PDB file of N, CA and C in Angstrom:
ATOM      1  N   MET A   1      12.725  20.324  34.494  1.00  0.00           N
ATOM      2  CA  MET A   1      11.609  21.335  34.587  1.00  0.00           C
ATOM      3  C   MET A   1      11.474  21.656  36.169  1.00  0.00           C
ATOM      4  N   ALA A   2      11.332  22.712  36.392  1.00  0.00           N
ATOM      5  CA  ALA A   2      11.097  23.127  37.897  1.00  0.00           C
ATOM      6  C   ALA A   2       9.819  22.560  38.301  1.00  0.00           C
ATOM      7  N   ARG A   3       9.771  22.358  39.707  1.00  0.00           N
ATOM      8  CA  ARG A   3       8.473  21.890  40.184  1.00  0.00           C
ATOM      9  C   ARG A   3       7.533  22.826  40.382  1.00  0.00           C
ATOM     10  N   ALA A   4       6.232  22.450  40.679  1.00  0.00           N
ATOM     11  CA  ALA A   4       5.135  23.308  40.870  1.00  0.00           C
ATOM     12  C   ALA A   4       5.152  23.819  42.222  1.00  0.00           C
ATOM     13  N   GLU A   5       4.848  24.928  42.557  1.00  0.00           N
ATOM     14  CA  GLU A   5       4.511  25.538  43.911  1.00  0.00           C
ATOM     15  C   GLU A   5       3.115  25.360  44.228  1.00  0.00           C
ATOM     16  N   THR A   6       2.682  24.484  45.002  1.00  0.00           N
ATOM     17  CA  THR A   6       1.349  24.252  45.457  1.00  0.00           C
ATOM     18  C   THR A   6       0.812  25.185  46.523  1.00  0.00           C
ATOM     19  N   ALA A   7      -0.507  25.304  46.713  1.00  0.00           N
ATOM     20  CA  ALA A   7      -1.023  26.186  47.781  1.00  0.00           C
ATOM     21  C   ALA A   7      -0.496  25.765  49.196  1.00  0.00           C
ATOM     22  N   GLU A   8      -0.162  24.391  49.410  1.00  0.00           N
ATOM     23  CA  GLU A   8       0.173  24.194  50.822  1.00  0.00           C
ATOM     24  C   GLU A   8       1.650  24.583  50.934  1.00  0.00           C
ATOM     25  N   MET A   9       2.513  24.449  49.875  1.00  0.00           N
ATOM     26  CA  MET A   9       3.838  24.944  49.896  1.00  0.00           C
ATOM     27  C   MET A   9       3.939  26.369  50.082  1.00  0.00           C
ATOM     28  N   ILE A  10       3.265  27.202  49.219  1.00  0.00           N
ATOM     29  CA  ILE A  10       3.134  28.403  49.391  1.00  0.00           C
ATOM     30  C   ILE A  10       2.794  28.992  50.864  1.00  0.00           C
ATOM     31  N   ALA A  11       1.651  28.341  51.281  1.00  0.00           N
ATOM     32  CA  ALA A  11       1.281  28.681  52.619  1.00  0.00           C
ATOM     33  C   ALA A  11       2.238  28.583  53.693  1.00  0.00           C
ATOM     34  N   ARG A  12       3.132  27.625  53.578  1.00  0.00           N
ATOM     35  CA  ARG A  12       4.110  27.285  54.576  1.00  0.00           C
ATOM     36  C   ARG A  12       5.141  28.379  54.847  1.00  0.00           C
ATOM     37  N   THR A  13       5.469  29.112  53.615  1.00  0.00           N
ATOM     38  CA  THR A  13       6.422  30.160  53.685  1.00  0.00           C
ATOM     39  C   THR A  13       5.712  31.468  53.331  1.00  0.00           C
ATOM     40  N   ARG A  14       4.623  31.639  52.825  1.00  0.00           N
ATOM     41  CA  ARG A  14       3.673  32.858  52.633  1.00  0.00           C
ATOM     42  C   ARG A  14       4.447  33.398  51.597  1.00  0.00           C
ATOM     43  N   PHE A  15       5.327  32.879  50.630  1.00  0.00           N
ATOM     44  CA  PHE A  15       5.984  33.495  49.504  1.00  0.00           C
ATOM     45  C   PHE A  15       5.712  32.609  48.390  1.00  0.00           C
ATOM     46  N   VAL A  16       5.658  33.161  47.302  1.00  0.00           N
ATOM     47  CA  VAL A  16       5.572  32.621  45.853  1.00  0.00           C
ATOM     48  C   VAL A  16       6.672  33.169  45.019  1.00  0.00           C
ATOM     49  N   THR A  17       7.275  32.425  44.260  1.00  0.00           N
ATOM     50  CA  THR A  17       8.410  32.921  43.359  1.00  0.00           C
ATOM     51  C   THR A  17       7.740  33.487  42.222  1.00  0.00           C
ATOM     52  N   ALA A  18       8.273  34.640  41.803  1.00  0.00           N
ATOM     53  CA  ALA A  18       7.858  35.204  40.514  1.00  0.00           C
ATOM     54  C   ALA A  18       8.220  34.275  39.434  1.00  0.00           C
ATOM     55  N   ASN A  19       9.116  33.570  39.234  1.00  0.00           N
ATOM     56  CA  ASN A  19       9.321  32.608  38.137  1.00  0.00           C
ATOM     57  C   ASN A  19       8.076  31.425  37.877  1.00  0.00           C
ATOM     58  N   ALA A  20       7.654  31.079  39.181  1.00  0.00           N
ATOM     59  CA  ALA A  20       6.532  30.184  39.283  1.00  0.00           C
ATOM     60  C   ALA A  20       5.238  30.791  38.628  1.00  0.00           C
ATOM     61  N   LEU A  21       4.944  31.970  38.923  1.00  0.00           N
ATOM     62  CA  LEU A  21       3.866  32.690  38.282  1.00  0.00           C
ATOM     63  C   LEU A  21       3.925  32.879  36.880  1.00  0.00           C
ATOM     64  N   PHE A  22       5.197  33.278  36.383  1.00  0.00           N
ATOM     65  CA  PHE A  22       5.358  33.450  35.042  1.00  0.00           C
ATOM     66  C   PHE A  22       5.269  32.149  34.124  1.00  0.00           C
ATOM     67  N   GLU A  23       5.829  30.904  34.822  1.00  0.00           N
ATOM     68  CA  GLU A  23       5.690  29.721  34.152  1.00  0.00           C
ATOM     69  C   GLU A  23       4.425  28.900  34.442  1.00  0.00           C
ATOM     70  N   GLY A  24       3.441  29.659  35.076  1.00  0.00           N
ATOM     71  CA  GLY A  24       2.289  28.800  35.350  1.00  0.00           C
ATOM     72  C   GLY A  24       2.397  27.524  36.292  1.00  0.00           C
ATOM     73  N   ARG A  25       3.436  27.726  37.026  1.00  0.00           N
ATOM     74  CA  ARG A  25       3.563  26.431  38.148  1.00  0.00           C
ATOM     75  C   ARG A  25       3.165  26.994  39.643  1.00  0.00           C
ATOM     76  N   ALA A  26       2.491  28.183  39.884  1.00  0.00           N
ATOM     77  CA  ALA A  26       2.055  28.445  41.022  1.00  0.00           C
ATOM     78  C   ALA A  26       0.465  28.115  41.183  1.00  0.00           C
ATOM     79  N   ASP A  27       0.094  27.359  42.222  1.00  0.00           N
ATOM     80  CA  ASP A  27      -1.452  27.353  42.286  1.00  0.00           C
ATOM     81  C   ASP A  27      -1.610  27.847  43.764  1.00  0.00           C
ATOM     82  N   LEU A  28      -2.576  28.912  43.625  1.00  0.00           N
ATOM     83  CA  LEU A  28      -2.886  29.554  44.764  1.00  0.00           C
ATOM     84  C   LEU A  28      -4.289  29.206  45.216  1.00  0.00           C
ATOM     85  N   ASN A  29      -4.906  28.267  44.460  1.00  0.00           N
ATOM     86  CA  ASN A  29      -6.210  27.808  44.765  1.00  0.00           C
ATOM     87  C   ASN A  29      -6.151  27.035  46.154  1.00  0.00           C
ATOM     88  N   GLY A  30      -6.753  27.573  47.122  1.00  0.00           N
ATOM     89  CA  GLY A  30      -6.912  26.999  48.402  1.00  0.00           C
ATOM     90  C   GLY A  30      -5.746  27.761  49.323  1.00  0.00           C
ATOM     91  N   TYR A  31      -5.152  28.687  48.848  1.00  0.00           N
ATOM     92  CA  TYR A  31      -4.236  29.469  49.794  1.00  0.00           C
ATOM     93  C   TYR A  31      -4.922  30.161  50.821  1.00  0.00           C
ATOM     94  N   PRO A  32      -4.564  29.887  52.164  1.00  0.00           N
ATOM     95  CA  PRO A  32      -5.630  30.323  53.191  1.00  0.00           C
ATOM     96  C   PRO A  32      -5.379  31.631  53.755  1.00  0.00           C
ATOM     97  N   PHE A  33      -4.384  32.534  53.263  1.00  0.00           N
ATOM     98  CA  PHE A  33      -4.098  33.662  54.063  1.00  0.00           C
ATOM     99  C   PHE A  33      -4.271  34.661  52.982  1.00  0.00           C
ATOM    100  N   ARG A  34      -4.442  36.021  53.630  1.00  0.00           N
ATOM    101  CA  ARG A  34      -4.833  37.317  52.938  1.00  0.00           C
ATOM    102  C   ARG A  34      -3.492  37.987  52.414  1.00  0.00           C
ATOM    103  N   ILE A  35      -2.393  37.738  53.118  1.00  0.00           N
ATOM    104  CA  ILE A  35      -1.116  38.439  52.721  1.00  0.00           C
ATOM    105  C   ILE A  35      -0.193  37.329  52.038  1.00  0.00           C
ATOM    106  N   LEU A  36       0.306  37.734  50.983  1.00  0.00           N
ATOM    107  CA  LEU A  36       1.450  36.832  50.104  1.00  0.00           C
ATOM    108  C   LEU A  36       2.620  37.640  49.815  1.00  0.00           C
ATOM    109  N   GLY A  37       3.743  37.136  49.658  1.00  0.00           N
ATOM    110  CA  GLY A  37       4.837  37.693  49.072  1.00  0.00           C
ATOM    111  C   GLY A  37       5.193  37.142  47.783  1.00  0.00           C
ATOM    112  N   VAL A  38       5.592  38.044  46.844  1.00  0.00           N
ATOM    113  CA  VAL A  38       6.172  37.597  45.663  1.00  0.00           C
ATOM    114  C   VAL A  38       7.647  37.731  45.715  1.00  0.00           C
ATOM    115  N   VAL A  39       8.418  36.817  45.471  1.00  0.00           N
ATOM    116  CA  VAL A  39       9.839  37.029  45.543  1.00  0.00           C
ATOM    117  C   VAL A  39      10.654  36.663  44.294  1.00  0.00           C
ATOM    118  N   SER A  40      11.766  37.333  44.224  1.00  0.00           N
ATOM    119  CA  SER A  40      12.552  37.010  43.011  1.00  0.00           C
ATOM    120  C   SER A  40      14.026  37.123  43.534  1.00  0.00           C
ATOM    121  N   GLN A  41      14.876  36.296  42.886  1.00  0.00           N
ATOM    122  CA  GLN A  41      16.390  36.242  43.038  1.00  0.00           C
ATOM    123  C   GLN A  41      16.774  36.019  41.525  1.00  0.00           C
ATOM    124  N   ARG A  42      16.699  36.696  40.734  1.00  0.00           N
ATOM    125  CA  ARG A  42      16.913  36.248  39.305  1.00  0.00           C
ATOM    126  C   ARG A  42      18.293  36.950  38.798  1.00  0.00           C
ATOM    127  N   GLY A  43      18.654  37.927  39.400  1.00  0.00           N
ATOM    128  CA  GLY A  43      20.010  38.449  38.844  1.00  0.00           C
ATOM    129  C   GLY A  43      20.142  39.795  39.675  1.00  0.00           C
ATOM    130  N   SER A  44      20.468  40.830  38.712  1.00  0.00           N
ATOM    131  CA  SER A  44      20.852  42.121  39.552  1.00  0.00           C
ATOM    132  C   SER A  44      19.534  42.679  40.159  1.00  0.00           C
ATOM    133  N   GLY A  45      19.766  43.762  40.889  1.00  0.00           N
ATOM    134  CA  GLY A  45      18.636  44.526  41.745  1.00  0.00           C
ATOM    135  C   GLY A  45      17.481  44.813  40.807  1.00  0.00           C
ATOM    136  N   LEU A  46      17.875  45.453  39.751  1.00  0.00           N
ATOM    137  CA  LEU A  46      16.674  45.937  38.838  1.00  0.00           C
ATOM    138  C   LEU A  46      15.894  44.519  38.203  1.00  0.00           C
ATOM    139  N   GLU A  47      16.516  43.568  37.885  1.00  0.00           N
ATOM    140  CA  GLU A  47      15.873  42.474  37.279  1.00  0.00           C
ATOM    141  C   GLU A  47      14.889  41.923  38.370  1.00  0.00           C
ATOM    142  N   ASN A  48      15.467  41.898  39.632  1.00  0.00           N
ATOM    143  CA  ASN A  48      14.458  41.373  40.610  1.00  0.00           C
ATOM    144  C   ASN A  48      13.395  42.145  40.972  1.00  0.00           C
ATOM    145  N   LEU A  49      13.600  43.562  40.916  1.00  0.00           N
ATOM    146  CA  LEU A  49      12.554  44.516  41.220  1.00  0.00           C
ATOM    147  C   LEU A  49      11.523  44.351  39.960  1.00  0.00           C
ATOM    148  N   SER A  50      12.003  44.294  38.866  1.00  0.00           N
ATOM    149  CA  SER A  50      11.083  44.068  37.773  1.00  0.00           C
ATOM    150  C   SER A  50      10.405  42.944  37.722  1.00  0.00           C
ATOM    151  N   ALA A  51      10.962  41.825  38.016  1.00  0.00           N
ATOM    152  CA  ALA A  51      10.334  40.511  38.181  1.00  0.00           C
ATOM    153  C   ALA A  51       9.085  40.556  39.225  1.00  0.00           C
ATOM    154  N   VAL A  52       9.329  41.213  40.438  1.00  0.00           N
ATOM    155  CA  VAL A  52       8.319  41.057  41.434  1.00  0.00           C
ATOM    156  C   VAL A  52       7.189  42.010  41.048  1.00  0.00           C
ATOM    157  N   LEU A  53       7.618  43.115  40.406  1.00  0.00           N
ATOM    158  CA  LEU A  53       6.409  44.007  39.972  1.00  0.00           C
ATOM    159  C   LEU A  53       5.716  43.215  38.812  1.00  0.00           C
ATOM    160  N   ALA A  54       6.260  42.541  37.895  1.00  0.00           N
ATOM    161  CA  ALA A  54       5.379  41.761  37.058  1.00  0.00           C
ATOM    162  C   ALA A  54       4.571  40.668  37.673  1.00  0.00           C
ATOM    163  N   GLY A  55       5.227  39.966  38.448  1.00  0.00           N
ATOM    164  CA  GLY A  55       4.386  39.066  39.334  1.00  0.00           C
ATOM    165  C   GLY A  55       3.225  39.568  39.943  1.00  0.00           C
ATOM    166  N   ALA A  56       3.417  40.724  40.578  1.00  0.00           N
ATOM    167  CA  ALA A  56       2.357  41.438  41.279  1.00  0.00           C
ATOM    168  C   ALA A  56       1.076  41.853  40.360  1.00  0.00           C
ATOM    169  N   GLU A  57       1.621  42.337  39.236  1.00  0.00           N
ATOM    170  CA  GLU A  57       0.638  42.591  38.064  1.00  0.00           C
ATOM    171  C   GLU A  57      -0.114  41.350  37.570  1.00  0.00           C
ATOM    172  N   MET A  58       0.506  40.288  37.696  1.00  0.00           N
ATOM    173  CA  MET A  58      -0.282  39.047  37.285  1.00  0.00           C
ATOM    174  C   MET A  58      -1.304  38.517  38.276  1.00  0.00           C
ATOM    175  N   LEU A  59      -1.182  39.065  39.543  1.00  0.00           N
ATOM    176  CA  LEU A  59      -2.045  38.677  40.452  1.00  0.00           C
ATOM    177  C   LEU A  59      -3.286  39.675  40.608  1.00  0.00           C
ATOM    178  N   ILE A  60      -3.094  40.818  40.451  1.00  0.00           N
ATOM    179  CA  ILE A  60      -4.221  41.964  40.474  1.00  0.00           C
ATOM    180  C   ILE A  60      -5.610  41.384  39.723  1.00  0.00           C
ATOM    181  N   PRO A  61      -5.629  40.825  38.625  1.00  0.00           N
ATOM    182  CA  PRO A  61      -6.819  40.414  38.063  1.00  0.00           C
ATOM    183  C   PRO A  61      -7.507  39.400  38.978  1.00  0.00           C
ATOM    184  N   TYR A  62      -6.826  38.806  39.855  1.00  0.00           N
ATOM    185  CA  TYR A  62      -7.284  37.750  40.637  1.00  0.00           C
ATOM    186  C   TYR A  62      -7.613  38.114  42.310  1.00  0.00           C
ATOM    187  N   GLY A  63      -7.796  39.390  42.248  1.00  0.00           N
ATOM    188  CA  GLY A  63      -8.295  40.066  43.550  1.00  0.00           C
ATOM    189  C   GLY A  63      -7.131  40.285  44.609  1.00  0.00           C
ATOM    190  N   TRP A  64      -5.962  40.480  44.077  1.00  0.00           N
ATOM    191  CA  TRP A  64      -4.885  40.807  44.817  1.00  0.00           C
ATOM    192  C   TRP A  64      -4.387  42.125  44.646  1.00  0.00           C
ATOM    193  N   GLU A  65      -3.982  42.943  45.760  1.00  0.00           N
ATOM    194  CA  GLU A  65      -3.491  44.132  45.772  1.00  0.00           C
ATOM    195  C   GLU A  65      -2.151  44.375  46.239  1.00  0.00           C
ATOM    196  N   LEU A  66      -1.234  45.266  45.330  1.00  0.00           N
ATOM    197  CA  LEU A  66       0.126  45.545  45.889  1.00  0.00           C
ATOM    198  C   LEU A  66       0.061  46.517  47.226  1.00  0.00           C
ATOM    199  N   VAL A  67       0.701  45.988  48.325  1.00  0.00           N
ATOM    200  CA  VAL A  67       0.846  46.570  49.419  1.00  0.00           C
ATOM    201  C   VAL A  67       2.131  47.402  49.564  1.00  0.00           C
ATOM    202  N   ASN A  68       3.344  46.761  49.236  1.00  0.00           N
ATOM    203  CA  ASN A  68       4.529  47.294  49.232  1.00  0.00           C
ATOM    204  C   ASN A  68       5.618  46.499  48.592  1.00  0.00           C
ATOM    205  N   VAL A  69       6.664  47.230  48.107  1.00  0.00           N
ATOM    206  CA  VAL A  69       7.734  46.479  47.482  1.00  0.00           C
ATOM    207  C   VAL A  69       8.973  46.900  47.994  1.00  0.00           C
ATOM    208  N   SER A  70       9.953  45.972  48.230  1.00  0.00           N
ATOM    209  CA  SER A  70      11.104  46.172  48.866  1.00  0.00           C
ATOM    210  C   SER A  70      12.335  45.348  48.132  1.00  0.00           C
ATOM    211  N   GLU A  71      13.525  45.811  48.183  1.00  0.00           N
ATOM    212  CA  GLU A  71      14.548  45.395  47.508  1.00  0.00           C
ATOM    213  C   GLU A  71      15.565  45.147  48.532  1.00  0.00           C
ATOM    214  N   PHE A  72      16.252  43.904  48.672  1.00  0.00           N
ATOM    215  CA  PHE A  72      17.123  43.509  49.760  1.00  0.00           C
ATOM    216  C   PHE A  72      18.455  43.393  49.168  1.00  0.00           C
ATOM    217  N   THR A  73      19.238  44.303  49.036  1.00  0.00           N
ATOM    218  CA  THR A  73      20.694  44.295  48.111  1.00  0.00           C
ATOM    219  C   THR A  73      21.537  43.305  48.784  1.00  0.00           C
ATOM    220  N   ALA A  74      21.578  43.170  50.072  1.00  0.00           N
ATOM    221  CA  ALA A  74      22.676  42.349  50.811  1.00  0.00           C
ATOM    222  C   ALA A  74      22.307  40.791  50.314  1.00  0.00           C
ATOM    223  N   SER A  75      21.120  40.538  50.206  1.00  0.00           N
ATOM    224  CA  SER A  75      20.799  39.006  49.710  1.00  0.00           C
ATOM    225  C   SER A  75      20.552  38.890  48.309  1.00  0.00           C
ATOM    226  N   ASN A  76      20.227  39.943  47.540  1.00  0.00           N
ATOM    227  CA  ASN A  76      20.022  40.169  46.147  1.00  0.00           C
ATOM    228  C   ASN A  76      18.581  39.704  45.939  1.00  0.00           C
ATOM    229  N   HIS A  77      17.635  40.079  46.749  1.00  0.00           N
ATOM    230  CA  HIS A  77      16.286  39.520  46.735  1.00  0.00           C
ATOM    231  C   HIS A  77      15.339  40.808  46.450  1.00  0.00           C
ATOM    232  N   ALA A  78      14.273  40.601  45.910  1.00  0.00           N
ATOM    233  CA  ALA A  78      13.282  41.604  45.917  1.00  0.00           C
ATOM    234  C   ALA A  78      11.967  40.934  46.182  1.00  0.00           C
ATOM    235  N   CYS A  79      11.053  41.579  47.076  1.00  0.00           N
ATOM    236  CA  CYS A  79       9.664  41.175  47.386  1.00  0.00           C
ATOM    237  C   CYS A  79       8.568  42.088  47.269  1.00  0.00           C
ATOM    238  N   ALA A  80       7.461  41.653  46.634  1.00  0.00           N
ATOM    239  CA  ALA A  80       6.268  42.625  46.503  1.00  0.00           C
ATOM    240  C   ALA A  80       5.385  41.757  47.489  1.00  0.00           C
ATOM    241  N   VAL A  81       4.733  42.775  48.421  1.00  0.00           N
ATOM    242  CA  VAL A  81       3.650  42.077  49.458  1.00  0.00           C
ATOM    243  C   VAL A  81       2.348  42.464  48.798  1.00  0.00           C
ATOM    244  N   MET A  82       1.748  41.381  48.812  1.00  0.00           N
ATOM    245  CA  MET A  82       0.306  41.433  48.134  1.00  0.00           C
ATOM    246  C   MET A  82      -0.740  41.243  49.439  1.00  0.00           C
ATOM    247  N   ARG A  83      -1.866  41.848  48.983  1.00  0.00           N
ATOM    248  CA  ARG A  83      -3.093  41.449  50.103  1.00  0.00           C
ATOM    249  C   ARG A  83      -4.255  41.212  49.148  1.00  0.00           C
ATOM    250  N   ARG A  84      -4.959  39.990  49.572  1.00  0.00           N
ATOM    251  CA  ARG A  84      -6.160  39.622  48.894  1.00  0.00           C
ATOM    252  C   ARG A  84      -7.488  40.637  49.178  1.00  0.00           C
ATOM    253  N   ALA A  85      -7.828  41.076  48.293  1.00  0.00           N
ATOM    254  CA  ALA A  85      -9.160  42.144  48.644  1.00  0.00           C
ATOM    255  C   ALA A  85     -10.275  41.296  49.189  1.00  0.00           C
TER     256      ALA A  85
END
């Protein structure tokens, strides 16, 4: 089983993985910052983009707003930048 992503771990990088959000392994209680990145490196570019958008959707009910979405084709990553309202 993959390990949990604690608020302290997430605060160090300011990123949470989309997979941790999907699997209930991300704990944002106590996350001290207003900006957060949701990242994915699951497979193809469209899969990554879909994953970060789904992760962003999961955070909206908890007071987070989507700021921007980027796809980094050279590294096969996608990132949704979120802001706590």
